[in-house]
Amino acid sequence: MNQRSYRSQNPNSSYKRPSEYRPEQNDDGRSYREAKHRKQDDHHHYQSQSRSFAGKYTPSSGSLSTRRELYEKDFPLYKQPVEIGCFSLDCNRRFFNDGRQMRYYVEPDRNPNFNLRDGYKDRFTKRDESQKEKLDHILRWIVSNRSKLNSKGVAASSSAIDFDFVTWRGHLTKLLCTPYEMREGWMLAVTRFQGTIYISEVETEAARRDCENRTEKHEEMMYWGYKFEQYACSDDVDGSPDPSGVVNTNEAFCTVVQTRLADHRLLFSGEVDCRDKDPNAPAPPACYVELKTSAEICTPKQRSNLHRFKLLKWWAQSFLPGVPRVVAGFRDHDGVVVAVETFHISKISQLIKNEYNCWKPTVCMNFCSDFLSFVKRVATEDNPCVVYLFSWEPRRDVTYSIHRDSEFSFLPHWYVEEMTRRPDSHTQP
């Protein structure tokens, strides 16, 4: 099945898509429809089992299959994401409940000759990756914006928020890519608190080793992506890019969006590179632009590999929050951007449809939806001190273990205390 961006069953929907983000029509003429729907536990580790309900899981098995063929079904309902807020992190990683770090996209020439190595040695401030922030920044945003989030069906004095899940966009991106990921596993810590399930990533041992063993060349190539952003963004709507400045990876602008996947109400945040500077551009998130770099394409095989592997992650990362386009700078071996190409998220499924054994958007979204259902079935105890640790390795099932008052706990005391207070006694942490 070719995925047609966000799809709605309601033919009379009042939502109007920006022209650049309009998908091609389906065969039946509908263009916008929502389809129908490793660490050992202290006490017990739930073993993976091949037997499962509908081939996926049973309440007693404690595992979820990642076999692609199980998720080749109708594309699940995914509501158009709506931005309900944003926040910024400054050069010292301090949180601000505003959009001060937003940047504006300045379209490069098609063959721009950007030197991505410039400034790596003398104008680069790198974020301390050893500081694990978990969900802290999202939680600060929630505390600062509780009036937007209170459950509608409960008393005004309730401190509950009206979402099933709270997480980072990046964690959901990993879930979307899981059926096709062959190299890197993941661990996700899950806690249910006041009826909402929070999902935070735990660094795997393999990821920790990879980080420690990065070569200097790898470190520099990671810098190249940030440097491309500096060439393509201005700080002001009428300004120009200034590649002579310092690249500081502490700084970030993050959107906060709400949406629904099947029957899962989601609140998540993700970093945004820049927005369209056109004053007539659509409202966020449809005005946002994602920037990427990649090795230049010189052969049909390289183009095919881009479609089969890199576009999966680009699509997943941008589709989730409703970012309509990715602008890619293609660089040579010396780190010089020699070409720029725009990929429209709504057209990527057409772009990859003729690739042999390629990824399918419907598999990605159905697996994510079923994983969230699996989490709901498992994470039943409402307690900020209890963590359900979900683990996955390529070619294996997803399994979980349960931990109480452990190193995996991630909801900070200040957040639990603040959210336990009456909303009318709110103070910002």
Protein backbone atom coordinates (compact mmCIF):
# COMPACT_ATOMS: atom_id res chain seq x y z
CA MET A 1 0.00 0.00 0.00
CA ASN A 2 1.30 3.47 -0.87
CA GLN A 3 0.99 5.76 2.10
CA ARG A 4 -0.66 9.07 1.22
CA SER A 5 0.54 11.33 4.04
CA TYR A 6 -2.05 12.04 6.74
CA ARG A 7 -5.42 10.53 5.78
CA SER A 8 -8.92 11.19 7.04
CA GLN A 9 -12.13 9.24 6.78
CA ASN A 10 -14.14 12.42 6.89
CA PRO A 11 -14.65 13.77 3.33
CA ASN A 12 -16.02 16.99 4.79
CA SER A 13 -12.98 17.73 6.93
CA SER A 14 -12.38 21.46 7.23
CA TYR A 15 -8.60 21.05 7.35
CA LYS A 16 -6.92 22.61 4.31
CA ARG A 17 -3.45 21.41 3.48
CA PRO A 18 -0.78 23.87 2.32
CA SER A 19 -0.37 23.50 -1.44
CA GLU A 20 3.20 22.22 -1.22
CA TYR A 21 2.11 19.48 1.20
CA ARG A 22 -0.88 18.11 -0.73
CA PRO A 23 -0.55 14.38 -1.45
CA GLU A 24 -1.58 12.78 -4.72
CA GLN A 25 -5.10 11.38 -4.71
CA ASN A 26 -5.84 7.76 -4.01
CA ASP A 27 -7.50 5.66 -6.66
CA ASP A 28 -10.89 6.41 -5.15
CA GLY A 29 -10.27 10.16 -5.33
CA ARG A 30 -9.71 10.76 -1.61
CA SER A 31 -6.45 12.55 -0.81
CA TYR A 32 -6.81 13.06 2.95
CA ARG A 33 -8.39 10.29 4.96
CA GLU A 34 -7.68 8.73 8.31
CA ALA A 35 -7.67 4.98 7.84
CA LYS A 36 -9.50 2.72 10.33
CA HIS A 37 -8.31 1.98 12.50
CA ARG A 38 19.48 -5.46 28.48
CA LYS A 39 19.13 -5.60 31.52
CA GLN A 40 17.85 -8.49 33.69
CA ASP A 41 14.92 -7.66 35.94
CA ASP A 42 15.49 -7.83 39.69
CA HIS A 43 12.83 -10.51 40.04
CA HIS A 44 11.88 -11.87 36.64
CA HIS A 45 12.74 -11.42 32.99
CA TYR A 46 9.96 -12.05 30.54
CA GLN A 47 11.21 -14.39 27.86
CA SER A 48 10.43 -13.87 24.19
CA GLN A 49 7.90 -16.34 22.80
CA SER A 50 7.00 -17.01 19.21
CA ARG A 51 3.36 -17.81 20.01
CA SER A 52 1.27 -14.66 19.88
CA PHE A 53 -2.22 -13.28 19.43
CA ALA A 54 -2.77 -12.55 15.73
CA GLY A 55 0.91 -13.35 15.31
CA LYS A 56 2.03 -10.40 17.43
CA TYR A 57 1.51 -10.81 21.17
CA THR A 58 -0.60 -12.26 23.94
CA PRO A 59 -1.11 -10.74 27.38
CA SER A 60 0.95 -13.57 28.89
CA SER A 61 3.80 -13.75 26.39
CA GLY A 62 5.55 -10.54 27.40
CA SER A 63 6.88 -10.03 23.88
CA LEU A 64 5.98 -8.25 20.66
CA SER A 65 7.09 -9.43 17.24
CA THR A 66 8.78 -7.01 14.83
CA ARG A 67 8.25 -9.16 11.71
CA ARG A 68 7.31 -6.79 8.90
CA GLU A 69 4.63 -8.94 7.31
CA LEU A 70 2.51 -8.70 10.46
CA TYR A 71 2.12 -4.96 9.96
CA GLU A 72 1.27 -4.88 6.26
CA LYS A 73 -2.34 -3.79 6.71
CA ASP A 74 -4.36 -0.62 6.32
CA PHE A 75 -2.53 2.56 7.24
CA PRO A 76 -3.64 3.48 10.77
CA LEU A 77 -5.44 6.66 11.66
CA TYR A 78 -2.90 9.42 12.23
CA LYS A 79 -4.36 12.83 12.95
CA GLN A 80 -2.78 15.92 11.47
CA PRO A 81 -0.27 17.01 14.15
CA VAL A 82 -1.08 20.34 15.80
CA GLU A 83 1.56 22.51 17.44
CA ILE A 84 0.38 23.51 20.90
CA GLY A 85 3.59 25.16 22.03
CA CYS A 86 7.34 25.43 21.68
CA PHE A 87 10.41 26.03 23.79
CA SER A 88 14.04 27.03 23.39
CA LEU A 89 17.35 25.92 24.85
CA ASP A 90 20.08 28.55 24.92
CA CYS A 91 23.86 28.31 24.53
CA ASN A 92 24.10 26.96 28.08
CA ARG A 93 21.23 24.49 27.62
CA ARG A 94 18.87 26.59 29.76
CA PHE A 95 15.13 26.16 29.14
CA PHE A 96 12.92 29.04 27.96
CA ASN A 97 9.19 28.69 27.38
CA ASP A 98 9.29 30.62 24.09
CA GLY A 99 10.59 30.58 20.51
CA ARG A 100 13.72 32.69 20.90
CA GLN A 101 15.93 30.07 19.21
CA MET A 102 13.80 29.83 16.07
CA ARG A 103 15.76 30.31 12.84
CA TYR A 104 14.64 31.10 9.28
CA TYR A 105 15.40 29.09 6.18
CA VAL A 106 17.38 30.86 3.46
CA GLU A 107 17.36 28.74 0.32
CA PRO A 108 20.90 27.98 -0.93
CA ASP A 109 21.94 27.87 -4.55
CA ARG A 110 21.54 24.46 -6.17
CA ASN A 111 25.35 24.12 -6.24
CA PRO A 112 26.41 26.18 -3.23
CA ASN A 113 30.01 25.08 -2.54
CA PHE A 114 29.62 25.25 1.26
CA ASN A 115 32.73 24.20 3.21
CA LEU A 116 31.37 22.15 6.12
CA ARG A 117 34.80 21.74 7.71
CA ASP A 118 35.12 25.45 8.35
CA GLY A 119 35.13 26.29 12.06
CA TYR A 120 35.38 22.74 13.39
CA LYS A 121 38.70 23.38 15.14
CA ASP A 122 38.11 26.91 16.41
CA ARG A 123 34.40 27.85 16.35
CA PHE A 124 32.59 24.82 17.74
CA THR A 125 30.93 24.41 21.14
CA LYS A 126 29.70 20.86 21.56
CA ARG A 127 26.96 19.77 23.93
CA ASP A 128 28.04 17.46 26.74
CA GLU A 129 26.51 14.14 25.68
CA SER A 130 27.32 12.55 29.04
CA GLN A 131 24.57 14.65 30.61
CA LYS A 132 21.45 12.53 30.11
CA GLU A 133 18.52 14.95 30.03
CA LYS A 134 15.85 12.26 29.65
CA LEU A 135 12.44 13.99 29.39
CA ASP A 136 13.36 16.96 31.59
CA HIS A 137 12.88 19.72 29.01
CA ILE A 138 9.49 18.40 27.88
CA LEU A 139 8.45 18.10 31.53
CA ARG A 140 9.42 21.73 32.15
CA TRP A 141 7.26 22.74 29.21
CA ILE A 142 4.32 20.71 30.60
CA VAL A 143 4.63 22.35 34.03
CA SER A 144 4.75 25.79 32.38
CA ASN A 145 1.66 25.08 30.25
CA ARG A 146 -0.60 22.98 32.46
CA SER A 147 -3.70 25.01 31.68
CA LYS A 148 -3.52 23.80 28.05
CA LEU A 149 -3.23 20.17 29.03
CA ASN A 150 -5.73 19.44 31.82
CA SER A 151 -8.15 16.61 31.11
CA LYS A 152 -11.47 17.93 29.87
CA GLY A 153 -13.51 15.17 31.46
CA VAL A 154 -12.39 15.72 35.04
CA ALA A 155 -12.72 18.44 37.63
CA ALA A 156 -10.81 21.67 37.07
CA SER A 157 -8.80 20.95 40.20
CA SER A 158 -7.35 17.76 38.68
CA SER A 159 -3.65 17.68 37.87
CA ALA A 160 -3.96 15.03 35.14
CA ILE A 161 -3.09 15.83 31.52
CA ASP A 162 -5.23 14.69 28.63
CA PHE A 163 -2.72 12.42 26.87
CA ASP A 164 -1.94 8.71 26.79
CA PHE A 165 1.77 9.18 26.00
CA VAL A 166 4.45 11.84 26.50
CA THR A 167 7.83 11.40 24.83
CA TRP A 168 10.43 12.81 22.46
CA ARG A 169 9.83 12.64 18.72
CA GLY A 170 13.18 10.83 18.37
CA HIS A 171 11.96 7.89 20.46
CA LEU A 172 8.91 7.49 18.20
CA THR A 173 11.18 7.75 15.15
CA LYS A 174 13.15 4.74 16.43
CA LEU A 175 9.91 2.81 16.81
CA LEU A 176 8.82 3.61 13.25
CA CYS A 177 12.17 2.39 11.91
CA THR A 178 12.35 -0.77 14.07
CA PRO A 179 10.90 -3.30 11.56
CA TYR A 180 13.68 -2.32 9.12
CA GLU A 181 16.55 -1.67 11.52
CA MET A 182 19.27 -4.32 11.24
CA ARG A 183 22.12 -2.84 13.32
CA GLU A 184 21.11 -0.89 16.42
CA GLY A 185 18.85 -2.06 19.22
CA TRP A 186 17.16 0.16 21.80
CA MET A 187 15.89 0.30 25.36
CA LEU A 188 12.90 2.44 26.33
CA ALA A 189 11.97 3.16 29.94
CA VAL A 190 8.23 3.51 30.55
CA THR A 191 6.45 4.92 33.60
CA ARG A 192 2.72 5.44 34.13
CA PHE A 193 1.93 8.52 36.23
CA GLN A 194 -1.54 10.04 36.73
CA GLY A 195 -2.86 7.92 33.87
CA THR A 196 -0.29 9.17 31.34
CA ILE A 197 2.54 6.95 30.09
CA TYR A 198 5.96 8.59 29.81
CA ILE A 199 8.60 7.07 27.51
CA SER A 200 12.31 7.88 27.89
CA GLU A 201 15.28 6.26 26.20
CA VAL A 202 17.98 4.34 28.07
CA GLU A 203 21.40 4.17 26.47
CA THR A 204 22.28 0.61 25.45
CA GLU A 205 25.70 -0.82 26.19
CA ALA A 206 26.42 -0.99 22.45
CA ALA A 207 25.49 2.68 21.98
CA ARG A 208 27.70 3.67 24.91
CA ARG A 209 30.65 1.81 23.40
CA ASP A 210 30.05 3.36 19.98
CA CYS A 211 30.02 6.81 21.54
CA GLU A 212 33.25 6.18 23.44
CA ASN A 213 34.99 4.75 20.37
CA ARG A 214 34.06 7.40 17.82
CA THR A 215 36.94 8.40 15.57
CA GLU A 216 37.97 12.01 15.11
CA LYS A 217 36.70 11.79 11.52
CA HIS A 218 33.28 10.62 12.74
CA GLU A 219 33.15 13.48 15.24
CA GLU A 220 33.93 15.98 12.49
CA MET A 221 31.31 14.53 10.17
CA MET A 222 28.70 14.95 12.90
CA TYR A 223 29.70 18.62 13.03
CA TRP A 224 29.11 18.93 9.29
CA GLY A 225 25.35 18.60 9.73
CA TYR A 226 25.23 21.50 12.17
CA LYS A 227 27.50 23.58 9.93
CA PHE A 228 25.13 23.09 6.99
CA GLU A 229 22.35 24.52 9.14
CA GLN A 230 24.49 27.59 9.77
CA TYR A 231 24.89 28.11 6.01
CA ALA A 232 21.13 27.74 5.38
CA CYS A 233 19.59 29.63 8.33
CA SER A 234 19.35 33.20 9.55
CA ASP A 235 18.52 34.35 13.07
CA ASP A 236 16.06 36.98 11.82
CA VAL A 237 13.30 36.81 9.25
CA ASP A 238 15.01 39.47 7.11
CA GLY A 239 18.58 38.42 7.89
CA SER A 240 21.19 36.38 6.06
CA PRO A 241 23.12 33.31 7.19
CA ASP A 242 26.37 34.00 9.03
CA PRO A 243 28.75 31.04 8.63
CA SER A 244 31.53 32.96 10.41
CA GLY A 245 29.88 32.45 13.81
CA VAL A 246 30.25 29.71 16.40
CA VAL A 247 28.36 26.43 15.97
CA ASN A 248 26.92 25.69 19.42
CA THR A 249 25.00 22.41 19.64
CA ASN A 250 23.56 23.32 23.06
CA GLU A 251 21.14 25.66 21.32
CA ALA A 252 17.81 24.29 20.12
CA PHE A 253 14.29 25.26 19.16
CA CYS A 254 11.70 22.56 19.86
CA THR A 255 8.11 22.24 18.75
CA VAL A 256 5.53 20.56 21.00
CA VAL A 257 2.77 18.80 19.09
CA GLN A 258 -0.33 16.80 19.87
CA THR A 259 -1.82 14.15 17.63
CA ARG A 260 -3.46 10.74 17.71
CA LEU A 261 -2.21 7.43 16.33
CA ALA A 262 -5.10 4.94 16.25
CA ASP A 263 -6.54 5.29 19.78
CA HIS A 264 -3.32 6.66 21.31
CA ARG A 265 -3.34 10.36 22.23
CA LEU A 266 0.22 11.61 21.86
CA LEU A 267 2.11 14.63 23.15
CA PHE A 268 5.70 14.83 21.96
CA SER A 269 8.43 17.33 21.27
CA GLY A 270 11.18 17.45 18.67
CA GLU A 271 13.90 19.82 17.63
CA VAL A 272 13.18 21.95 14.56
CA ASP A 273 15.96 23.29 12.35
CA CYS A 274 14.19 26.33 10.89
CA ARG A 275 10.98 27.71 9.41
CA ASP A 276 9.95 29.21 6.09
CA LYS A 277 10.56 32.97 6.17
CA ASP A 278 7.64 33.71 3.81
CA PRO A 279 5.06 35.75 5.79
CA ASN A 280 2.34 33.85 3.94
CA ALA A 281 3.73 30.45 4.91
CA PRO A 282 1.27 28.12 6.68
CA ALA A 283 1.12 27.96 10.46
CA PRO A 284 3.48 25.62 12.34
CA PRO A 285 4.31 22.81 11.98
CA ALA A 286 3.58 23.06 8.22
CA CYS A 287 6.06 25.94 7.81
CA TYR A 288 9.00 24.04 9.30
CA VAL A 289 11.98 22.76 7.31
CA GLU A 290 14.29 19.89 8.25
CA LEU A 291 17.93 20.14 7.11
CA LYS A 292 20.15 17.13 6.39
CA THR A 293 23.51 16.34 4.85
CA SER A 294 24.51 13.23 2.95
CA ALA A 295 27.26 11.96 0.67
CA GLU A 296 26.84 13.10 -2.91
CA ILE A 297 25.02 10.76 -5.29
CA CYS A 298 27.24 9.62 -8.15
CA THR A 299 25.71 6.28 -9.16
CA PRO A 300 22.24 4.69 -9.44
CA LYS A 301 23.24 2.31 -6.62
CA GLN A 302 23.97 5.24 -4.31
CA ARG A 303 20.60 6.79 -5.16
CA SER A 304 18.88 3.48 -4.43
CA ASN A 305 20.65 3.21 -1.06
CA LEU A 306 19.55 6.73 -0.18
CA HIS A 307 15.94 5.74 -0.91
CA ARG A 308 16.10 2.43 0.95
CA PHE A 309 17.93 3.46 4.09
CA LYS A 310 18.37 7.18 4.70
CA LEU A 311 14.95 8.31 3.45
CA LEU A 312 13.27 5.98 5.96
CA LYS A 313 14.70 7.94 8.88
CA TRP A 314 14.19 11.31 7.19
CA TRP A 315 10.57 10.46 6.44
CA ALA A 316 9.82 9.10 9.92
CA GLN A 317 11.42 12.05 11.69
CA SER A 318 9.47 14.65 9.69
CA PHE A 319 6.17 12.81 9.15
CA LEU A 320 5.57 12.43 12.88
CA PRO A 321 5.42 16.17 13.73
CA GLY A 322 3.99 17.21 10.35
CA VAL A 323 7.12 18.85 8.91
CA PRO A 324 6.47 18.87 5.15
CA ARG A 325 9.94 18.96 3.60
CA VAL A 326 13.55 17.97 4.06
CA VAL A 327 16.32 19.96 2.37
CA ALA A 328 19.44 17.86 1.87
CA GLY A 329 22.93 19.16 1.19
CA PHE A 330 24.97 16.59 -0.69
CA ARG A 331 28.69 16.79 0.13
CA ASP A 332 31.85 15.46 -1.44
CA HIS A 333 34.59 13.55 0.41
CA ASP A 334 36.18 16.81 1.55
CA GLY A 335 33.02 18.02 3.26
CA VAL A 336 32.00 20.53 0.59
CA VAL A 337 28.30 20.75 -0.26
CA VAL A 338 28.10 20.46 -4.04
CA ALA A 339 24.32 20.07 -4.50
CA VAL A 340 21.07 20.74 -2.65
CA GLU A 341 17.82 18.82 -3.11
CA THR A 342 14.38 19.15 -1.51
CA PHE A 343 12.36 16.07 -0.54
CA HIS A 344 8.65 16.56 0.08
CA ILE A 345 7.47 14.17 2.77
CA SER A 346 4.12 13.58 1.06
CA LYS A 347 5.91 12.37 -2.10
CA ILE A 348 8.50 10.05 -0.58
CA SER A 349 6.28 6.96 -0.79
CA GLN A 350 6.08 7.51 -4.57
CA LEU A 351 9.82 8.04 -4.74
CA ILE A 352 10.61 4.66 -3.15
CA LYS A 353 7.80 2.52 -4.59
CA ASN A 354 9.95 0.97 -7.34
CA GLU A 355 12.88 0.11 -5.06
CA TYR A 356 13.34 -3.61 -4.48
CA ASN A 357 12.50 -4.83 -0.97
CA CYS A 358 12.09 -1.28 0.26
CA TRP A 359 10.52 0.00 3.47
CA LYS A 360 6.79 0.70 3.70
CA PRO A 361 5.26 3.60 5.65
CA THR A 362 2.25 1.48 6.64
CA VAL A 363 4.51 -1.12 8.31
CA CYS A 364 6.29 1.61 10.27
CA MET A 365 3.11 3.24 11.55
CA ASN A 366 1.30 0.00 12.35
CA PHE A 367 4.25 -1.32 14.32
CA CYS A 368 4.44 1.91 16.32
CA SER A 369 0.71 1.77 17.04
CA ASP A 370 0.88 -1.86 18.13
CA PHE A 371 3.91 -1.19 20.30
CA LEU A 372 2.01 1.58 22.11
CA SER A 373 -0.92 -0.83 22.61
CA PHE A 374 1.52 -3.39 23.98
CA VAL A 375 2.91 -0.79 26.40
CA LYS A 376 -0.59 0.08 27.60
CA ARG A 377 -1.29 -3.59 28.35
CA VAL A 378 1.98 -4.03 30.23
CA ALA A 379 2.48 -0.74 32.10
CA THR A 380 -0.50 -0.94 34.42
CA GLU A 381 0.87 0.25 37.77
CA ASP A 382 0.46 4.02 38.15
CA ASN A 383 3.61 4.83 40.09
CA PRO A 384 6.51 7.20 39.22
CA CYS A 385 8.93 4.84 40.98
CA VAL A 386 8.08 1.88 38.72
CA VAL A 387 9.79 1.53 35.35
CA TYR A 388 8.87 -0.97 32.67
CA LEU A 389 12.01 -1.39 30.59
CA PHE A 390 11.29 -2.42 26.99
CA SER A 391 14.27 -3.88 25.12
CA TRP A 392 14.81 -4.79 21.50
CA GLU A 393 17.66 -6.14 19.40
CA PRO A 394 17.56 -6.61 15.61
CA ARG A 395 15.86 -9.82 14.47
CA ARG A 396 14.39 -10.34 17.95
CA ASP A 397 11.05 -9.68 19.60
CA VAL A 398 10.48 -6.73 21.90
CA THR A 399 10.61 -7.88 25.55
CA TYR A 400 10.33 -6.09 28.86
CA SER A 401 11.34 -6.22 32.51
CA ILE A 402 9.98 -4.40 35.57
CA HIS A 403 12.08 -2.27 37.92
CA ARG A 404 11.12 -0.53 41.17
CA ASP A 405 13.15 2.34 42.70
CA SER A 406 15.94 1.58 40.26
CA GLU A 407 18.58 3.37 38.21
CA PHE A 408 16.06 3.49 35.36
CA SER A 409 13.63 5.84 37.14
CA PHE A 410 13.44 9.06 35.15
CA LEU A 411 10.53 11.23 36.33
CA PRO A 412 12.22 13.85 38.55
CA HIS A 413 10.91 14.58 42.04
CA TRP A 414 10.21 18.22 41.17
CA TYR A 415 7.92 17.14 38.35
CA VAL A 416 6.01 14.59 40.42
CA GLU A 417 5.53 17.12 43.21
CA GLU A 418 4.47 19.89 40.85
CA MET A 419 1.98 17.70 39.00
CA THR A 420 0.51 16.41 42.26
CA ARG A 421 -0.41 19.92 43.34
CA ARG A 422 -3.69 21.55 42.43
CA PRO A 423 -3.29 23.46 39.13
CA ASP A 424 -4.34 26.73 40.79
CA SER A 425 -1.34 26.48 43.15
CA HIS A 426 1.07 26.16 40.22
CA THR A 427 4.56 27.58 40.33
CA GLN A 428 7.23 27.05 37.69
CA PRO A 429 10.22 24.87 38.72
